[in-house]
Amino acid sequence: MEKEGQVFALCVENKDCEDLEKRKIYQLLPDKEAEKEGYLRVIDESGEDYLYPQSYFVLVHLPREAQEALRLAI
């Protein structure tokens, strides 16, 4: 996972996950232990962070301005 700035991921799957929307960008929180097990810690639609399979997301690299706009929109 990226070390600088915030990390975001595009949701491409949401099977059995009511708090994820396909084609939406989510903020990730660092969790090395979860990553080792194949999961990402995601701030979902509930506003809380939960673990979801890495296969549900594609990491995206956003310009600093876009990161700030997403952070302020929360």
PDB file of N, CA and C in Angstrom:
ATOM      1  N   MET A   1       0.842  -1.185   0.000  1.00  0.00           N
ATOM      2  CA  MET A   1       0.000   0.000   0.000  1.00  0.00           C
ATOM      3  C   MET A   1       0.882   1.242   0.000  1.00  0.00           C
ATOM      4  N   GLU A   2       0.375   2.312  -0.546  1.00  0.00           N
ATOM      5  CA  GLU A   2       1.104   3.580  -0.657  1.00  0.00           C
ATOM      6  C   GLU A   2       1.416   4.147   0.721  1.00  0.00           C
ATOM      7  N   LYS A   3       2.579   4.694   0.890  1.00  0.00           N
ATOM      8  CA  LYS A   3       2.987   5.213   2.190  1.00  0.00           C
ATOM      9  C   LYS A   3       2.718   6.715   2.327  1.00  0.00           C
ATOM     10  N   GLU A   4       2.699   7.443   1.223  1.00  0.00           N
ATOM     11  CA  GLU A   4       2.523   8.888   1.258  1.00  0.00           C
ATOM     12  C   GLU A   4       1.071   9.261   1.009  1.00  0.00           C
ATOM     13  N   GLY A   5       0.541  10.198   1.770  1.00  0.00           N
ATOM     14  CA  GLY A   5      -0.815  10.661   1.551  1.00  0.00           C
ATOM     15  C   GLY A   5      -1.833   9.588   1.894  1.00  0.00           C
ATOM     16  N   GLN A   6      -3.063   9.854   1.521  1.00  0.00           N
ATOM     17  CA  GLN A   6      -4.124   8.898   1.775  1.00  0.00           C
ATOM     18  C   GLN A   6      -4.199   7.908   0.623  1.00  0.00           C
ATOM     19  N   VAL A   7      -4.705   6.733   0.916  1.00  0.00           N
ATOM     20  CA  VAL A   7      -4.837   5.703  -0.099  1.00  0.00           C
ATOM     21  C   VAL A   7      -6.322   5.455  -0.329  1.00  0.00           C
ATOM     22  N   PHE A   8      -6.673   5.340  -1.595  1.00  0.00           N
ATOM     23  CA  PHE A   8      -8.060   5.127  -1.972  1.00  0.00           C
ATOM     24  C   PHE A   8      -8.175   3.913  -2.878  1.00  0.00           C
ATOM     25  N   ALA A   9      -9.383   3.346  -2.908  1.00  0.00           N
ATOM     26  CA  ALA A   9      -9.618   2.178  -3.738  1.00  0.00           C
ATOM     27  C   ALA A   9     -10.992   2.274  -4.374  1.00  0.00           C
ATOM     28  N   LEU A  10     -11.070   1.783  -5.598  1.00  0.00           N
ATOM     29  CA  LEU A  10     -12.326   1.735  -6.337  1.00  0.00           C
ATOM     30  C   LEU A  10     -12.978   0.384  -6.067  1.00  0.00           C
ATOM     31  N   CYS A  11     -14.227   0.397  -5.642  1.00  0.00           N
ATOM     32  CA  CYS A  11     -14.958  -0.843  -5.379  1.00  0.00           C
ATOM     33  C   CYS A  11     -15.409  -1.448  -6.710  1.00  0.00           C
ATOM     34  N   VAL A  12     -15.042  -2.705  -6.936  1.00  0.00           N
ATOM     35  CA  VAL A  12     -15.428  -3.394  -8.171  1.00  0.00           C
ATOM     36  C   VAL A  12     -16.309  -4.612  -7.887  1.00  0.00           C
ATOM     37  N   GLU A  13     -16.520  -4.930  -6.611  1.00  0.00           N
ATOM     38  CA  GLU A  13     -17.367  -6.052  -6.205  1.00  0.00           C
ATOM     39  C   GLU A  13     -17.928  -5.752  -4.829  1.00  0.00           C
ATOM     40  N   ASN A  14     -19.167  -6.168  -4.562  1.00  0.00           N
ATOM     41  CA  ASN A  14     -19.760  -5.928  -3.246  1.00  0.00           C
ATOM     42  C   ASN A  14     -20.645  -7.089  -2.799  1.00  0.00           C
ATOM     43  N   LYS A  15     -20.322  -8.288  -3.235  1.00  0.00           N
ATOM     44  CA  LYS A  15     -21.111  -9.475  -2.907  1.00  0.00           C
ATOM     45  C   LYS A  15     -21.321  -9.594  -1.397  1.00  0.00           C
ATOM     46  N   ASP A  16     -22.584  -9.644  -0.989  1.00  0.00           N
ATOM     47  CA  ASP A  16     -22.963  -9.795   0.420  1.00  0.00           C
ATOM     48  C   ASP A  16     -22.493  -8.654   1.316  1.00  0.00           C
ATOM     49  N   CYS A  17     -22.227  -7.485   0.743  1.00  0.00           N
ATOM     50  CA  CYS A  17     -21.763  -6.323   1.521  1.00  0.00           C
ATOM     51  C   CYS A  17     -22.683  -5.140   1.252  1.00  0.00           C
ATOM     52  N   GLU A  18     -23.629  -4.928   2.133  1.00  0.00           N
ATOM     53  CA  GLU A  18     -24.596  -3.842   1.960  1.00  0.00           C
ATOM     54  C   GLU A  18     -23.968  -2.458   2.093  1.00  0.00           C
ATOM     55  N   ASP A  19     -22.822  -2.362   2.745  1.00  0.00           N
ATOM     56  CA  ASP A  19     -22.194  -1.060   2.997  1.00  0.00           C
ATOM     57  C   ASP A  19     -21.122  -0.689   1.982  1.00  0.00           C
ATOM     58  N   LEU A  20     -21.116  -1.372   0.822  1.00  0.00           N
ATOM     59  CA  LEU A  20     -20.203  -1.022  -0.273  1.00  0.00           C
ATOM     60  C   LEU A  20     -21.010  -0.804  -1.540  1.00  0.00           C
ATOM     61  N   GLU A  21     -20.607   0.192  -2.328  1.00  0.00           N
ATOM     62  CA  GLU A  21     -21.247   0.455  -3.618  1.00  0.00           C
ATOM     63  C   GLU A  21     -20.216   0.260  -4.719  1.00  0.00           C
ATOM     64  N   LYS A  22     -20.592  -0.525  -5.732  1.00  0.00           N
ATOM     65  CA  LYS A  22     -19.696  -0.699  -6.880  1.00  0.00           C
ATOM     66  C   LYS A  22     -19.480   0.641  -7.563  1.00  0.00           C
ATOM     67  N   ARG A  23     -18.296   0.833  -8.126  1.00  0.00           N
ATOM     68  CA  ARG A  23     -17.884   2.027  -8.861  1.00  0.00           C
ATOM     69  C   ARG A  23     -17.732   3.255  -7.960  1.00  0.00           C
ATOM     70  N   LYS A  24     -17.621   3.057  -6.660  1.00  0.00           N
ATOM     71  CA  LYS A  24     -17.413   4.165  -5.735  1.00  0.00           C
ATOM     72  C   LYS A  24     -16.000   4.076  -5.173  1.00  0.00           C
ATOM     73  N   ILE A  25     -15.394   5.233  -4.898  1.00  0.00           N
ATOM     74  CA  ILE A  25     -14.047   5.296  -4.333  1.00  0.00           C
ATOM     75  C   ILE A  25     -14.147   5.381  -2.814  1.00  0.00           C
ATOM     76  N   TYR A  26     -13.354   4.542  -2.145  1.00  0.00           N
ATOM     77  CA  TYR A  26     -13.333   4.489  -0.683  1.00  0.00           C
ATOM     78  C   TYR A  26     -11.936   4.772  -0.155  1.00  0.00           C
ATOM     79  N   GLN A  27     -11.887   5.379   1.033  1.00  0.00           N
ATOM     80  CA  GLN A  27     -10.618   5.612   1.699  1.00  0.00           C
ATOM     81  C   GLN A  27     -10.198   4.341   2.428  1.00  0.00           C
ATOM     82  N   LEU A  28      -8.919   4.025   2.346  1.00  0.00           N
ATOM     83  CA  LEU A  28      -8.360   2.873   3.050  1.00  0.00           C
ATOM     84  C   LEU A  28      -7.565   3.341   4.256  1.00  0.00           C
ATOM     85  N   LEU A  29      -7.537   2.503   5.264  1.00  0.00           N
ATOM     86  CA  LEU A  29      -6.709   2.755   6.439  1.00  0.00           C
ATOM     87  C   LEU A  29      -5.619   1.692   6.483  1.00  0.00           C
ATOM     88  N   PRO A  30      -4.417   2.060   6.893  1.00  0.00           N
ATOM     89  CA  PRO A  30      -3.321   1.086   6.934  1.00  0.00           C
ATOM     90  C   PRO A  30      -3.624  -0.041   7.924  1.00  0.00           C
ATOM     91  N   ASP A  31      -3.398  -1.268   7.487  1.00  0.00           N
ATOM     92  CA  ASP A  31      -3.568  -2.439   8.351  1.00  0.00           C
ATOM     93  C   ASP A  31      -2.745  -3.568   7.741  1.00  0.00           C
ATOM     94  N   LYS A  32      -1.475  -3.603   8.084  1.00  0.00           N
ATOM     95  CA  LYS A  32      -0.546  -4.579   7.494  1.00  0.00           C
ATOM     96  C   LYS A  32      -0.951  -6.021   7.791  1.00  0.00           C
ATOM     97  N   GLU A  33      -1.468  -6.271   8.978  1.00  0.00           N
ATOM     98  CA  GLU A  33      -1.889  -7.640   9.338  1.00  0.00           C
ATOM     99  C   GLU A  33      -3.051  -8.093   8.457  1.00  0.00           C
ATOM    100  N   ALA A  34      -4.016  -7.207   8.237  1.00  0.00           N
ATOM    101  CA  ALA A  34      -5.154  -7.546   7.384  1.00  0.00           C
ATOM    102  C   ALA A  34      -4.694  -7.803   5.951  1.00  0.00           C
ATOM    103  N   GLU A  35      -3.767  -6.970   5.461  1.00  0.00           N
ATOM    104  CA  GLU A  35      -3.253  -7.133   4.101  1.00  0.00           C
ATOM    105  C   GLU A  35      -2.582  -8.489   3.918  1.00  0.00           C
ATOM    106  N   LYS A  36      -1.865  -8.943   4.952  1.00  0.00           N
ATOM    107  CA  LYS A  36      -1.214 -10.255   4.879  1.00  0.00           C
ATOM    108  C   LYS A  36      -2.237 -11.376   4.703  1.00  0.00           C
ATOM    109  N   GLU A  37      -3.451 -11.153   5.207  1.00  0.00           N
ATOM    110  CA  GLU A  37      -4.523 -12.150   5.123  1.00  0.00           C
ATOM    111  C   GLU A  37      -5.418 -11.945   3.901  1.00  0.00           C
ATOM    112  N   GLY A  38      -5.104 -10.922   3.071  1.00  0.00           N
ATOM    113  CA  GLY A  38      -5.876 -10.685   1.859  1.00  0.00           C
ATOM    114  C   GLY A  38      -7.056  -9.744   2.022  1.00  0.00           C
ATOM    115  N   TYR A  39      -6.997  -8.887   3.045  1.00  0.00           N
ATOM    116  CA  TYR A  39      -8.085  -7.943   3.303  1.00  0.00           C
ATOM    117  C   TYR A  39      -7.568  -6.504   3.315  1.00  0.00           C
ATOM    118  N   LEU A  40      -8.493  -5.575   3.116  1.00  0.00           N
ATOM    119  CA  LEU A  40      -8.207  -4.146   3.223  1.00  0.00           C
ATOM    120  C   LEU A  40      -9.141  -3.552   4.260  1.00  0.00           C
ATOM    121  N   ARG A  41      -8.642  -2.596   5.035  1.00  0.00           N
ATOM    122  CA  ARG A  41      -9.478  -1.877   6.003  1.00  0.00           C
ATOM    123  C   ARG A  41     -10.034  -0.648   5.291  1.00  0.00           C
ATOM    124  N   VAL A  42     -11.355  -0.634   5.115  1.00  0.00           N
ATOM    125  CA  VAL A  42     -12.046   0.361   4.303  1.00  0.00           C
ATOM    126  C   VAL A  42     -13.052   1.129   5.151  1.00  0.00           C
ATOM    127  N   ILE A  43     -13.104   2.447   4.957  1.00  0.00           N
ATOM    128  CA  ILE A  43     -14.174   3.247   5.563  1.00  0.00           C
ATOM    129  C   ILE A  43     -15.354   3.139   4.603  1.00  0.00           C
ATOM    130  N   ASP A  44     -16.378   2.395   5.020  1.00  0.00           N
ATOM    131  CA  ASP A  44     -17.493   2.102   4.115  1.00  0.00           C
ATOM    132  C   ASP A  44     -18.641   3.099   4.273  1.00  0.00           C
ATOM    133  N   GLU A  45     -19.806   2.757   3.710  1.00  0.00           N
ATOM    134  CA  GLU A  45     -20.970   3.654   3.726  1.00  0.00           C
ATOM    135  C   GLU A  45     -21.489   3.932   5.133  1.00  0.00           C
ATOM    136  N   SER A  46     -21.177   3.070   6.092  1.00  0.00           N
ATOM    137  CA  SER A  46     -21.617   3.286   7.473  1.00  0.00           C
ATOM    138  C   SER A  46     -20.789   4.375   8.153  1.00  0.00           C
ATOM    139  N   GLY A  47     -19.647   4.736   7.516  1.00  0.00           N
ATOM    140  CA  GLY A  47     -18.745   5.719   8.107  1.00  0.00           C
ATOM    141  C   GLY A  47     -17.734   5.086   9.046  1.00  0.00           C
ATOM    142  N   GLU A  48     -17.830   3.788   9.228  1.00  0.00           N
ATOM    143  CA  GLU A  48     -16.907   3.041  10.076  1.00  0.00           C
ATOM    144  C   GLU A  48     -15.922   2.280   9.199  1.00  0.00           C
ATOM    145  N   ASP A  49     -14.836   1.815   9.809  1.00  0.00           N
ATOM    146  CA  ASP A  49     -13.875   1.029   9.031  1.00  0.00           C
ATOM    147  C   ASP A  49     -14.071  -0.458   9.325  1.00  0.00           C
ATOM    148  N   TYR A  50     -14.074  -1.239   8.234  1.00  0.00           N
ATOM    149  CA  TYR A  50     -14.244  -2.682   8.314  1.00  0.00           C
ATOM    150  C   TYR A  50     -13.282  -3.341   7.332  1.00  0.00           C
ATOM    151  N   LEU A  51     -13.069  -4.627   7.531  1.00  0.00           N
ATOM    152  CA  LEU A  51     -12.222  -5.391   6.626  1.00  0.00           C
ATOM    153  C   LEU A  51     -13.055  -5.983   5.503  1.00  0.00           C
ATOM    154  N   TYR A  52     -12.532  -5.850   4.286  1.00  0.00           N
ATOM    155  CA  TYR A  52     -13.165  -6.428   3.102  1.00  0.00           C
ATOM    156  C   TYR A  52     -12.090  -7.112   2.277  1.00  0.00           C
ATOM    157  N   PRO A  53     -12.480  -8.116   1.480  1.00  0.00           N
ATOM    158  CA  PRO A  53     -11.491  -8.798   0.634  1.00  0.00           C
ATOM    159  C   PRO A  53     -10.815  -7.820  -0.327  1.00  0.00           C
ATOM    160  N   GLN A  54      -9.494  -7.952  -0.502  1.00  0.00           N
ATOM    161  CA  GLN A  54      -8.761  -7.104  -1.440  1.00  0.00           C
ATOM    162  C   GLN A  54      -9.323  -7.221  -2.847  1.00  0.00           C
ATOM    163  N   SER A  55      -9.850  -8.380  -3.193  1.00  0.00           N
ATOM    164  CA  SER A  55     -10.369  -8.615  -4.545  1.00  0.00           C
ATOM    165  C   SER A  55     -11.585  -7.752  -4.866  1.00  0.00           C
ATOM    166  N   TYR A  56     -12.180  -7.131  -3.868  1.00  0.00           N
ATOM    167  CA  TYR A  56     -13.333  -6.251  -4.080  1.00  0.00           C
ATOM    168  C   TYR A  56     -12.915  -4.857  -4.544  1.00  0.00           C
ATOM    169  N   PHE A  57     -11.601  -4.584  -4.574  1.00  0.00           N
ATOM    170  CA  PHE A  57     -11.120  -3.232  -4.845  1.00  0.00           C
ATOM    171  C   PHE A  57      -9.951  -3.210  -5.817  1.00  0.00           C
ATOM    172  N   VAL A  58      -9.798  -2.056  -6.459  1.00  0.00           N
ATOM    173  CA  VAL A  58      -8.618  -1.739  -7.257  1.00  0.00           C
ATOM    174  C   VAL A  58      -8.055  -0.457  -6.654  1.00  0.00           C
ATOM    175  N   LEU A  59      -6.779  -0.483  -6.263  1.00  0.00           N
ATOM    176  CA  LEU A  59      -6.167   0.721  -5.698  1.00  0.00           C
ATOM    177  C   LEU A  59      -6.081   1.801  -6.756  1.00  0.00           C
ATOM    178  N   VAL A  60      -6.357   3.034  -6.354  1.00  0.00           N
ATOM    179  CA  VAL A  60      -6.276   4.167  -7.276  1.00  0.00           C
ATOM    180  C   VAL A  60      -5.346   5.219  -6.689  1.00  0.00           C
ATOM    181  N   HIS A  61      -4.575   5.843  -7.553  1.00  0.00           N
ATOM    182  CA  HIS A  61      -3.657   6.912  -7.154  1.00  0.00           C
ATOM    183  C   HIS A  61      -4.282   8.228  -7.595  1.00  0.00           C
ATOM    184  N   LEU A  62      -4.634   9.043  -6.625  1.00  0.00           N
ATOM    185  CA  LEU A  62      -5.316  10.309  -6.902  1.00  0.00           C
ATOM    186  C   LEU A  62      -4.381  11.484  -6.661  1.00  0.00           C
ATOM    187  N   PRO A  63      -4.546  12.551  -7.458  1.00  0.00           N
ATOM    188  CA  PRO A  63      -3.771  13.770  -7.194  1.00  0.00           C
ATOM    189  C   PRO A  63      -4.119  14.305  -5.803  1.00  0.00           C
ATOM    190  N   ARG A  64      -3.199  15.014  -5.207  1.00  0.00           N
ATOM    191  CA  ARG A  64      -3.378  15.563  -3.856  1.00  0.00           C
ATOM    192  C   ARG A  64      -4.689  16.363  -3.751  1.00  0.00           C
ATOM    193  N   GLU A  65      -5.036  17.129  -4.792  1.00  0.00           N
ATOM    194  CA  GLU A  65      -6.262  17.945  -4.767  1.00  0.00           C
ATOM    195  C   GLU A  65      -7.502  17.059  -4.667  1.00  0.00           C
ATOM    196  N   ALA A  66      -7.502  15.942  -5.381  1.00  0.00           N
ATOM    197  CA  ALA A  66      -8.634  15.024  -5.342  1.00  0.00           C
ATOM    198  C   ALA A  66      -8.728  14.353  -3.969  1.00  0.00           C
ATOM    199  N   GLN A  67      -7.582  13.999  -3.392  1.00  0.00           N
ATOM    200  CA  GLN A  67      -7.573  13.402  -2.061  1.00  0.00           C
ATOM    201  C   GLN A  67      -8.182  14.358  -1.043  1.00  0.00           C
ATOM    202  N   GLU A  68      -7.782  15.607  -1.120  1.00  0.00           N
ATOM    203  CA  GLU A  68      -8.304  16.629  -0.194  1.00  0.00           C
ATOM    204  C   GLU A  68      -9.797  16.819  -0.386  1.00  0.00           C
ATOM    205  N   ALA A  69     -10.257  16.860  -1.615  1.00  0.00           N
ATOM    206  CA  ALA A  69     -11.694  17.036  -1.886  1.00  0.00           C
ATOM    207  C   ALA A  69     -12.491  15.857  -1.327  1.00  0.00           C
ATOM    208  N   LEU A  70     -11.990  14.641  -1.480  1.00  0.00           N
ATOM    209  CA  LEU A  70     -12.673  13.468  -0.932  1.00  0.00           C
ATOM    210  C   LEU A  70     -12.663  13.493   0.590  1.00  0.00           C
ATOM    211  N   ARG A  71     -11.552  13.890   1.163  1.00  0.00           N
ATOM    212  CA  ARG A  71     -11.471  13.948   2.631  1.00  0.00           C
ATOM    213  C   ARG A  71     -12.479  14.951   3.187  1.00  0.00           C
ATOM    214  N   LEU A  72     -12.616  16.100   2.538  1.00  0.00           N
ATOM    215  CA  LEU A  72     -13.559  17.133   2.998  1.00  0.00           C
ATOM    216  C   LEU A  72     -15.015  16.744   2.784  1.00  0.00           C
ATOM    217  N   ALA A  73     -15.273  15.868   1.814  1.00  0.00           N
ATOM    218  CA  ALA A  73     -16.630  15.465   1.485  1.00  0.00           C
ATOM    219  C   ALA A  73     -17.209  14.479   2.501  1.00  0.00           C
ATOM    220  N   ILE A  74     -16.347  13.925   3.348  1.00  0.00           N
ATOM    221  CA  ILE A  74     -16.814  12.906   4.309  1.00  0.00           C
ATOM    222  C   ILE A  74     -17.549  13.558   5.452  1.00  0.00           C
TER     223      ILE A  74
END
